[in-house]
C-alpha atoms as a PDB file:
ATOM      1  CA  UNK A   1      10.392 -59.845  47.246  1.00  0.00           C
ATOM      2  CA  UNK A   2       6.868 -60.320  45.856  1.00  0.00           C
ATOM      3  CA  UNK A   3       4.498 -58.023  43.990  1.00  0.00           C
ATOM      4  CA  UNK A   4       0.724 -58.226  44.362  1.00  0.00           C
ATOM      5  CA  UNK A   5      -1.033 -58.925  41.080  1.00  0.00           C
ATOM      6  CA  UNK A   6      -2.492 -55.404  40.910  1.00  0.00           C
ATOM      7  CA  UNK A   7       1.018 -53.946  41.141  1.00  0.00           C
ATOM      8  CA  UNK A   8       0.175 -51.595  44.002  1.00  0.00           C
ATOM      9  CA  UNK A   9       1.722 -53.576  46.871  1.00  0.00           C
ATOM     10  CA  UNK A  10       5.128 -55.179  47.339  1.00  0.00           C
ATOM     11  CA  UNK A  11       6.363 -57.451  50.143  1.00  0.00           C
ATOM     12  CA  UNK A  12      10.060 -57.460  51.019  1.00  0.00           C
ATOM     13  CA  UNK A  13      11.846 -59.690  53.542  1.00  0.00           C
ATOM     14  CA  UNK A  14      14.247 -57.305  55.342  1.00  0.00           C
ATOM     15  CA  UNK A  15      15.917 -58.463  57.532  1.00  0.00           C
ATOM     16  CA  UNK A  16      15.327 -62.057  56.503  1.00  0.00           C
ATOM     17  CA  UNK A  17      12.783 -62.826  59.242  1.00  0.00           C
ATOM     18  CA  UNK A  18      10.768 -59.620  58.878  1.00  0.00           C
ATOM     19  CA  UNK A  19       8.300 -58.836  56.082  1.00  0.00           C
ATOM     20  CA  UNK A  20       7.749 -55.219  55.145  1.00  0.00           C
ATOM     21  CA  UNK A  21       4.734 -54.301  53.032  1.00  0.00           C
ATOM     22  CA  UNK A  22       4.939 -51.207  50.851  1.00  0.00           C
ATOM     23  CA  UNK A  23       2.304 -49.383  48.839  1.00  0.00           C
ATOM     24  CA  UNK A  24       3.841 -48.343  45.545  1.00  0.00           C
ATOM     25  CA  UNK A  25       3.273 -44.838  44.231  1.00  0.00           C
ATOM     26  CA  UNK A  26       0.406 -44.081  41.894  1.00  0.00           C
ATOM     27  CA  UNK A  27       1.395 -42.628  38.534  1.00  0.00           C
ATOM     28  CA  UNK A  28       0.906 -39.049  39.757  1.00  0.00           C
ATOM     29  CA  UNK A  29       2.916 -39.578  42.954  1.00  0.00           C
ATOM     30  CA  UNK A  30       6.514 -40.570  43.658  1.00  0.00           C
ATOM     31  CA  UNK A  31       5.966 -41.555  47.293  1.00  0.00           C
ATOM     32  CA  UNK A  32       6.398 -45.196  48.310  1.00  0.00           C
ATOM     33  CA  UNK A  33       4.694 -45.761  51.660  1.00  0.00           C
ATOM     34  CA  UNK A  34       5.441 -48.519  54.159  1.00  0.00           C
ATOM     35  CA  UNK A  35       2.165 -50.173  55.121  1.00  0.00           C
ATOM     36  CA  UNK A  36       3.245 -52.655  57.780  1.00  0.00           C
ATOM     37  CA  UNK A  37       5.960 -54.797  59.285  1.00  0.00           C
ATOM     38  CA  UNK A  38       5.137 -58.471  59.860  1.00  0.00           C
ATOM     39  CA  UNK A  39       7.434 -60.508  62.105  1.00  0.00           C
ATOM     40  CA  UNK A  40       8.022 -64.191  61.401  1.00  0.00           C
ATOM     41  CA  UNK A  41       6.585 -65.947  64.475  1.00  0.00           C
ATOM     42  CA  UNK A  42       9.509 -68.378  64.709  1.00  0.00           C
ATOM     43  CA  UNK A  43      12.144 -65.960  63.362  1.00  0.00           C
ATOM     44  CA  UNK A  44      13.262 -68.431  60.705  1.00  0.00           C
ATOM     45  CA  UNK A  45      14.938 -66.903  57.661  1.00  0.00           C
ATOM     46  CA  UNK A  46      12.418 -66.260  54.898  1.00  0.00           C
ATOM     47  CA  UNK A  47      13.358 -67.542  51.452  1.00  0.00           C
ATOM     48  CA  UNK A  48      10.235 -66.917  49.377  1.00  0.00           C
ATOM     49  CA  UNK A  49       7.256 -64.538  49.411  1.00  0.00           C
ATOM     50  CA  UNK A  50       4.152 -65.023  47.255  1.00  0.00           C
ATOM     51  CA  UNK A  51       0.818 -63.162  47.196  1.00  0.00           C
ATOM     52  CA  UNK A  52      -2.381 -65.080  46.486  1.00  0.00           C
ATOM     53  CA  UNK A  53      -4.013 -64.269  43.144  1.00  0.00           C
ATOM     54  CA  UNK A  54      -6.506 -61.917  44.814  1.00  0.00           C
ATOM     55  CA  UNK A  55      -3.836 -60.295  47.044  1.00  0.00           C
ATOM     56  CA  UNK A  56      -5.748 -61.162  50.217  1.00  0.00           C
ATOM     57  CA  UNK A  57      -3.073 -63.534  51.555  1.00  0.00           C
ATOM     58  CA  UNK A  58       0.699 -63.647  51.637  1.00  0.00           C
ATOM     59  CA  UNK A  59       2.683 -66.885  51.920  1.00  0.00           C
ATOM     60  CA  UNK A  60       6.212 -66.829  53.301  1.00  0.00           C
ATOM     61  CA  UNK A  61       8.443 -69.879  52.858  1.00  0.00           C
ATOM     62  CA  UNK A  62      11.269 -70.390  55.351  1.00  0.00           C
ATOM     63  CA  UNK A  63      14.655 -72.012  54.870  1.00  0.00           C
ATOM     64  CA  UNK A  64      13.322 -75.043  56.796  1.00  0.00           C
ATOM     65  CA  UNK A  65      10.488 -75.634  54.291  1.00  0.00           C
ATOM     66  CA  UNK A  66       7.809 -74.184  56.571  1.00  0.00           C
ATOM     67  CA  UNK A  67       5.112 -72.030  54.997  1.00  0.00           C
ATOM     68  CA  UNK A  68       3.689 -69.137  57.007  1.00  0.00           C
ATOM     69  CA  UNK A  69       0.372 -67.702  55.818  1.00  0.00           C
ATOM     70  CA  UNK A  70      -0.641 -64.110  56.465  1.00  0.00           C
ATOM     71  CA  UNK A  71      -4.307 -63.177  55.988  1.00  0.00           C
ATOM     72  CA  UNK A  72      -3.855 -59.570  54.885  1.00  0.00           C
ATOM     73  CA  UNK A  73      -7.596 -59.009  54.449  1.00  0.00           C
ATOM     74  CA  UNK A  74      -8.254 -60.016  58.072  1.00  0.00           C
ATOM     75  CA  UNK A  75      -5.425 -57.753  59.258  1.00  0.00           C
ATOM     76  CA  UNK A  76      -6.990 -54.868  57.311  1.00  0.00           C
ATOM     77  CA  UNK A  77     -10.387 -55.563  58.907  1.00  0.00           C
ATOM     78  CA  UNK A  78      -8.794 -55.480  62.363  1.00  0.00           C
ATOM     79  CA  UNK A  79      -7.122 -52.179  61.567  1.00  0.00           C
ATOM     80  CA  UNK A  80     -10.439 -50.810  60.238  1.00  0.00           C
ATOM     81  CA  UNK A  81     -11.967 -51.347  63.668  1.00  0.00           C
ATOM     82  CA  UNK A  82      -9.293 -48.976  64.994  1.00  0.00           C
ATOM     83  CA  UNK A  83      -9.633 -46.648  61.978  1.00  0.00           C
ATOM     84  CA  UNK A  84      -6.020 -47.391  60.988  1.00  0.00           C
ATOM     85  CA  UNK A  85      -6.562 -49.101  57.616  1.00  0.00           C
ATOM     86  CA  UNK A  86      -6.108 -46.087  55.311  1.00  0.00           C
ATOM     87  CA  UNK A  87      -2.734 -47.222  53.925  1.00  0.00           C
ATOM     88  CA  UNK A  88      -3.705 -50.847  53.365  1.00  0.00           C
ATOM     89  CA  UNK A  89      -4.872 -52.041  49.959  1.00  0.00           C
ATOM     90  CA  UNK A  90      -8.600 -52.524  49.614  1.00  0.00           C
ATOM     91  CA  UNK A  91      -9.762 -56.044  48.872  1.00  0.00           C
ATOM     92  CA  UNK A  92     -12.894 -57.072  47.065  1.00  0.00           C
ATOM     93  CA  UNK A  93     -15.365 -58.456  49.532  1.00  0.00           C
ATOM     94  CA  UNK A  94     -15.680 -62.190  49.468  1.00  0.00           C
ATOM     95  CA  UNK A  95     -19.028 -63.940  49.836  1.00  0.00           C
ATOM     96  CA  UNK A  96     -19.783 -65.037  53.375  1.00  0.00           C
ATOM     97  CA  UNK A  97     -19.727 -68.772  53.859  1.00  0.00           C
ATOM     98  CA  UNK A  98     -22.681 -70.398  55.621  1.00  0.00           C
END
């Protein structure tokens, strides 16, 4: 399990090769909402989950010392093109690289 720095998102490995992202309730709400399910591409058991400091990426460490990186900001942008991003956390825009 890993919490994003802002405290609004949590990642849970359940079952051990699947990551579920949840949006935690705001203070005025009691509803926890599942945002997404991410499948480990090689279905290796996940041992560790860590968000980047800005919450834009999620690293998943497997029991075979392989690190899988998930670009959550890019996934959100893809969902935005389909108008399906409402549940995902918003990320600060990063400067475009030349």
